[in-house]
Amino acid sequence: MPLPEVLDPNRPSLKARLEPADGAEKVRLLDEALDKVSAYGRLLWHDVDALRHYLLASAPSDPYLPGPHRVSASPTGPGDEEGWNNWIAAYAEATSVLAGPHGDSGFGVHEARHEAQIRRSAPDILLLAKLRLHSPPA
């Protein structure tokens, strides 16, 4: 995925606007560009923070805390609808924010669903999941 234009300080659209501008206009244009970069930086921060929370929530549970413990990561297998829905949402959001401040027009969601489908429907995976259900715990 290419770096979003807003993060390129030498982007042609900004350079073209700066060249004919006088000192005050250049300051205004640079201030506007900085505002856009800062807004995108905040968006990136919030999305990476959400991704961090997802990663913690999908990992096996903390063995030092009380309660029933989940020993595998989520999604736990082809039939884990909630786990796969959470994975798809996290993947799609990460892809969208990497595309730039204007998003990706649904590309991330489409790609996430496709990747999840591949991982959930392969005959080998389905067979392994079925065998795991019928084998005694280790």
C-alpha atoms as a PDB file:
ATOM      1  CA  MET A   1       0.000   0.000   0.000  1.00  0.00           C
ATOM      2  CA  PRO A   2       1.550   3.341  -0.970  1.00  0.00           C
ATOM      3  CA  LEU A   3       2.229   6.073   1.566  1.00  0.00           C
ATOM      4  CA  PRO A   4      -0.669   8.579   1.578  1.00  0.00           C
ATOM      5  CA  GLU A   5       0.114  11.835  -0.220  1.00  0.00           C
ATOM      6  CA  VAL A   6      -0.685  13.874   2.913  1.00  0.00           C
ATOM      7  CA  LEU A   7       2.477  12.428   4.531  1.00  0.00           C
ATOM      8  CA  ASP A   8       4.782  13.433   1.651  1.00  0.00           C
ATOM      9  CA  PRO A   9       6.271  16.892   2.364  1.00  0.00           C
ATOM     10  CA  ASN A  10       7.408  17.100  -1.271  1.00  0.00           C
ATOM     11  CA  ARG A  11       4.052  16.205  -2.786  1.00  0.00           C
ATOM     12  CA  PRO A  12       3.566  17.845  -6.183  1.00  0.00           C
ATOM     13  CA  SER A  13       0.176  19.357  -5.308  1.00  0.00           C
ATOM     14  CA  LEU A  14       1.644  21.273  -2.347  1.00  0.00           C
ATOM     15  CA  LYS A  15       4.821  22.306  -4.208  1.00  0.00           C
ATOM     16  CA  ALA A  16       2.741  23.623  -7.122  1.00  0.00           C
ATOM     17  CA  ARG A  17       0.645  25.728  -4.759  1.00  0.00           C
ATOM     18  CA  LEU A  18       3.703  27.089  -2.908  1.00  0.00           C
ATOM     19  CA  GLU A  19       5.802  28.155  -5.914  1.00  0.00           C
ATOM     20  CA  PRO A  20       3.780  31.196  -7.052  1.00  0.00           C
ATOM     21  CA  ALA A  21       2.792  32.205  -3.490  1.00  0.00           C
ATOM     22  CA  ASP A  22       4.296  35.121  -1.577  1.00  0.00           C
ATOM     23  CA  GLY A  23       5.590  34.848   1.999  1.00  0.00           C
ATOM     24  CA  ALA A  24       2.256  35.259   3.811  1.00  0.00           C
ATOM     25  CA  GLU A  25       0.447  32.944   1.386  1.00  0.00           C
ATOM     26  CA  LYS A  26       3.173  30.296   1.761  1.00  0.00           C
ATOM     27  CA  VAL A  27       2.795  30.433   5.535  1.00  0.00           C
ATOM     28  CA  ARG A  28      -0.985  30.004   5.181  1.00  0.00           C
ATOM     29  CA  LEU A  29      -0.590  27.073   2.777  1.00  0.00           C
ATOM     30  CA  LEU A  30       2.008  25.384   4.995  1.00  0.00           C
ATOM     31  CA  ASP A  31      -0.214  25.911   8.044  1.00  0.00           C
ATOM     32  CA  GLU A  32      -3.101  24.294   6.139  1.00  0.00           C
ATOM     33  CA  ALA A  33      -0.858  21.351   5.149  1.00  0.00           C
ATOM     34  CA  LEU A  34       0.299  20.951   8.753  1.00  0.00           C
ATOM     35  CA  ASP A  35      -3.325  20.901   9.941  1.00  0.00           C
ATOM     36  CA  LYS A  36      -4.090  18.094   7.457  1.00  0.00           C
ATOM     37  CA  VAL A  37      -1.048  16.070   8.531  1.00  0.00           C
ATOM     38  CA  SER A  38      -1.913  16.569  12.208  1.00  0.00           C
ATOM     39  CA  ALA A  39      -5.529  15.496  11.677  1.00  0.00           C
ATOM     40  CA  TYR A  40      -4.367  12.372   9.838  1.00  0.00           C
ATOM     41  CA  GLY A  41      -1.807  11.684  12.575  1.00  0.00           C
ATOM     42  CA  ARG A  42      -4.569  11.776  15.209  1.00  0.00           C
ATOM     43  CA  LEU A  43      -6.679   9.421  13.072  1.00  0.00           C
ATOM     44  CA  LEU A  44      -3.729   7.043  12.778  1.00  0.00           C
ATOM     45  CA  TRP A  45      -3.114   7.178  16.527  1.00  0.00           C
ATOM     46  CA  HIS A  46      -6.744   6.367  17.371  1.00  0.00           C
ATOM     47  CA  ASP A  47      -6.875   3.503  14.879  1.00  0.00           C
ATOM     48  CA  VAL A  48      -3.581   2.001  16.052  1.00  0.00           C
ATOM     49  CA  ASP A  49      -4.853   2.265  19.644  1.00  0.00           C
ATOM     50  CA  ALA A  50      -8.050   0.438  18.616  1.00  0.00           C
ATOM     51  CA  LEU A  51      -5.930  -2.209  16.866  1.00  0.00           C
ATOM     52  CA  ARG A  52      -3.874  -2.621  20.054  1.00  0.00           C
ATOM     53  CA  HIS A  53      -7.081  -3.184  22.050  1.00  0.00           C
ATOM     54  CA  TYR A  54      -8.274  -5.719  19.474  1.00  0.00           C
ATOM     55  CA  LEU A  55      -4.982  -7.606  19.655  1.00  0.00           C
ATOM     56  CA  LEU A  56      -5.223  -7.844  23.437  1.00  0.00           C
ATOM     57  CA  ALA A  57      -8.872  -8.913  23.313  1.00  0.00           C
ATOM     58  CA  SER A  58      -8.200 -11.617  20.716  1.00  0.00           C
ATOM     59  CA  ALA A  59      -5.175 -13.121  22.469  1.00  0.00           C
ATOM     60  CA  PRO A  60      -5.536 -15.972  24.955  1.00  0.00           C
ATOM     61  CA  SER A  61      -6.792 -14.656  28.289  1.00  0.00           C
ATOM     62  CA  ASP A  62      -4.434 -13.524  31.054  1.00  0.00           C
ATOM     63  CA  PRO A  63      -3.688 -16.631  33.150  1.00  0.00           C
ATOM     64  CA  TYR A  64      -3.085 -14.506  36.251  1.00  0.00           C
ATOM     65  CA  LEU A  65      -6.638 -13.138  36.284  1.00  0.00           C
ATOM     66  CA  PRO A  66      -9.532 -15.132  37.739  1.00  0.00           C
ATOM     67  CA  GLY A  67     -12.259 -16.681  35.647  1.00  0.00           C
ATOM     68  CA  PRO A  68     -12.568 -19.133  32.824  1.00  0.00           C
ATOM     69  CA  HIS A  69      -9.570 -18.926  30.545  1.00  0.00           C
ATOM     70  CA  ARG A  70      -9.455 -18.988  26.778  1.00  0.00           C
ATOM     71  CA  VAL A  71      -6.291 -20.810  25.704  1.00  0.00           C
ATOM     72  CA  SER A  72      -6.360 -19.935  22.016  1.00  0.00           C
ATOM     73  CA  ALA A  73      -6.417 -16.721  20.076  1.00  0.00           C
ATOM     74  CA  SER A  74      -9.582 -15.469  18.416  1.00  0.00           C
ATOM     75  CA  PRO A  75     -10.861 -16.306  15.889  1.00  0.00           C
ATOM     76  CA  THR A  76     -10.643 -19.812  17.277  1.00  0.00           C
ATOM     77  CA  GLY A  77     -11.557 -21.574  14.057  1.00  0.00           C
ATOM     78  CA  PRO A  78     -13.768 -21.458  10.970  1.00  0.00           C
ATOM     79  CA  GLY A  79     -16.996 -21.349  13.009  1.00  0.00           C
ATOM     80  CA  ASP A  80     -16.060 -18.457  15.323  1.00  0.00           C
ATOM     81  CA  GLU A  81     -18.411 -15.837  13.821  1.00  0.00           C
ATOM     82  CA  GLU A  82     -17.767 -13.184  16.462  1.00  0.00           C
ATOM     83  CA  GLY A  83     -14.004 -13.717  16.259  1.00  0.00           C
ATOM     84  CA  TRP A  84     -13.991 -13.456  12.470  1.00  0.00           C
ATOM     85  CA  ASN A  85     -16.276 -10.401  12.488  1.00  0.00           C
ATOM     86  CA  ASN A  86     -13.903  -8.671  14.907  1.00  0.00           C
ATOM     87  CA  TRP A  87     -10.903  -9.677  12.765  1.00  0.00           C
ATOM     88  CA  ILE A  88     -12.566  -8.381   9.596  1.00  0.00           C
ATOM     89  CA  ALA A  89     -13.422  -5.067  11.287  1.00  0.00           C
ATOM     90  CA  ALA A  90      -9.864  -4.583  12.591  1.00  0.00           C
ATOM     91  CA  TYR A  91      -8.250  -5.510   9.253  1.00  0.00           C
ATOM     92  CA  ALA A  92     -10.625  -3.288   7.285  1.00  0.00           C
ATOM     93  CA  GLU A  93     -10.064  -0.302   9.576  1.00  0.00           C
ATOM     94  CA  ALA A  94      -6.274  -0.688   9.454  1.00  0.00           C
ATOM     95  CA  THR A  95      -6.362  -0.907   5.648  1.00  0.00           C
ATOM     96  CA  SER A  96      -8.667   2.093   5.357  1.00  0.00           C
ATOM     97  CA  VAL A  97      -6.563   4.349   7.561  1.00  0.00           C
ATOM     98  CA  LEU A  98      -3.369   3.315   5.762  1.00  0.00           C
ATOM     99  CA  ALA A  99      -4.952   4.477   2.492  1.00  0.00           C
ATOM    100  CA  GLY A 100      -5.009   8.077   3.750  1.00  0.00           C
ATOM    101  CA  PRO A 101      -7.365  10.551   5.350  1.00  0.00           C
ATOM    102  CA  HIS A 102     -10.053   9.949   2.728  1.00  0.00           C
ATOM    103  CA  GLY A 103     -10.173   6.182   3.331  1.00  0.00           C
ATOM    104  CA  ASP A 104     -10.199   3.405   0.779  1.00  0.00           C
ATOM    105  CA  SER A 105     -13.798   3.368  -0.527  1.00  0.00           C
ATOM    106  CA  GLY A 106     -14.480  -0.053   0.967  1.00  0.00           C
ATOM    107  CA  PHE A 107     -11.382  -1.810  -0.351  1.00  0.00           C
ATOM    108  CA  GLY A 108     -10.285  -2.865   3.158  1.00  0.00           C
ATOM    109  CA  VAL A 109     -13.640  -4.450   3.988  1.00  0.00           C
ATOM    110  CA  HIS A 110     -13.677  -6.309   0.672  1.00  0.00           C
ATOM    111  CA  GLU A 111     -10.099  -7.514   1.132  1.00  0.00           C
ATOM    112  CA  ALA A 112     -10.718  -8.512   4.777  1.00  0.00           C
ATOM    113  CA  ARG A 113     -13.791 -10.557   3.866  1.00  0.00           C
ATOM    114  CA  HIS A 114     -11.876 -12.250   1.067  1.00  0.00           C
ATOM    115  CA  GLU A 115      -8.922 -13.086   3.320  1.00  0.00           C
ATOM    116  CA  ALA A 116     -11.230 -14.369   6.068  1.00  0.00           C
ATOM    117  CA  GLN A 117     -13.165 -16.524   3.586  1.00  0.00           C
ATOM    118  CA  ILE A 118      -9.947 -18.118   2.324  1.00  0.00           C
ATOM    119  CA  ARG A 119      -8.848 -18.911   5.869  1.00  0.00           C
ATOM    120  CA  ARG A 120     -12.255 -20.203   6.983  1.00  0.00           C
ATOM    121  CA  SER A 121     -13.259 -22.331   4.027  1.00  0.00           C
ATOM    122  CA  ALA A 122     -10.158 -24.238   2.947  1.00  0.00           C
ATOM    123  CA  PRO A 123     -10.879 -27.996   3.070  1.00  0.00           C
ATOM    124  CA  ASP A 124      -7.768 -28.656   5.184  1.00  0.00           C
ATOM    125  CA  ILE A 125      -8.835 -26.075   7.782  1.00  0.00           C
ATOM    126  CA  LEU A 126     -12.381 -27.414   7.932  1.00  0.00           C
ATOM    127  CA  LEU A 127     -11.072 -30.950   8.416  1.00  0.00           C
ATOM    128  CA  LEU A 128      -8.635 -29.859  11.145  1.00  0.00           C
ATOM    129  CA  ALA A 129     -11.402 -27.948  12.936  1.00  0.00           C
ATOM    130  CA  LYS A 130     -13.683 -30.999  12.770  1.00  0.00           C
ATOM    131  CA  LEU A 131     -10.947 -33.313  14.072  1.00  0.00           C
ATOM    132  CA  ARG A 132     -10.152 -30.903  16.902  1.00  0.00           C
ATOM    133  CA  LEU A 133     -13.804 -30.920  17.999  1.00  0.00           C
ATOM    134  CA  HIS A 134     -13.785 -34.702  18.248  1.00  0.00           C
ATOM    135  CA  SER A 135     -10.422 -35.191  19.963  1.00  0.00           C
ATOM    136  CA  PRO A 136      -9.973 -35.178  23.727  1.00  0.00           C
ATOM    137  CA  PRO A 137      -8.298 -32.085  25.245  1.00  0.00           C
ATOM    138  CA  ALA A 138      -4.552 -32.390  25.756  1.00  0.00           C
END
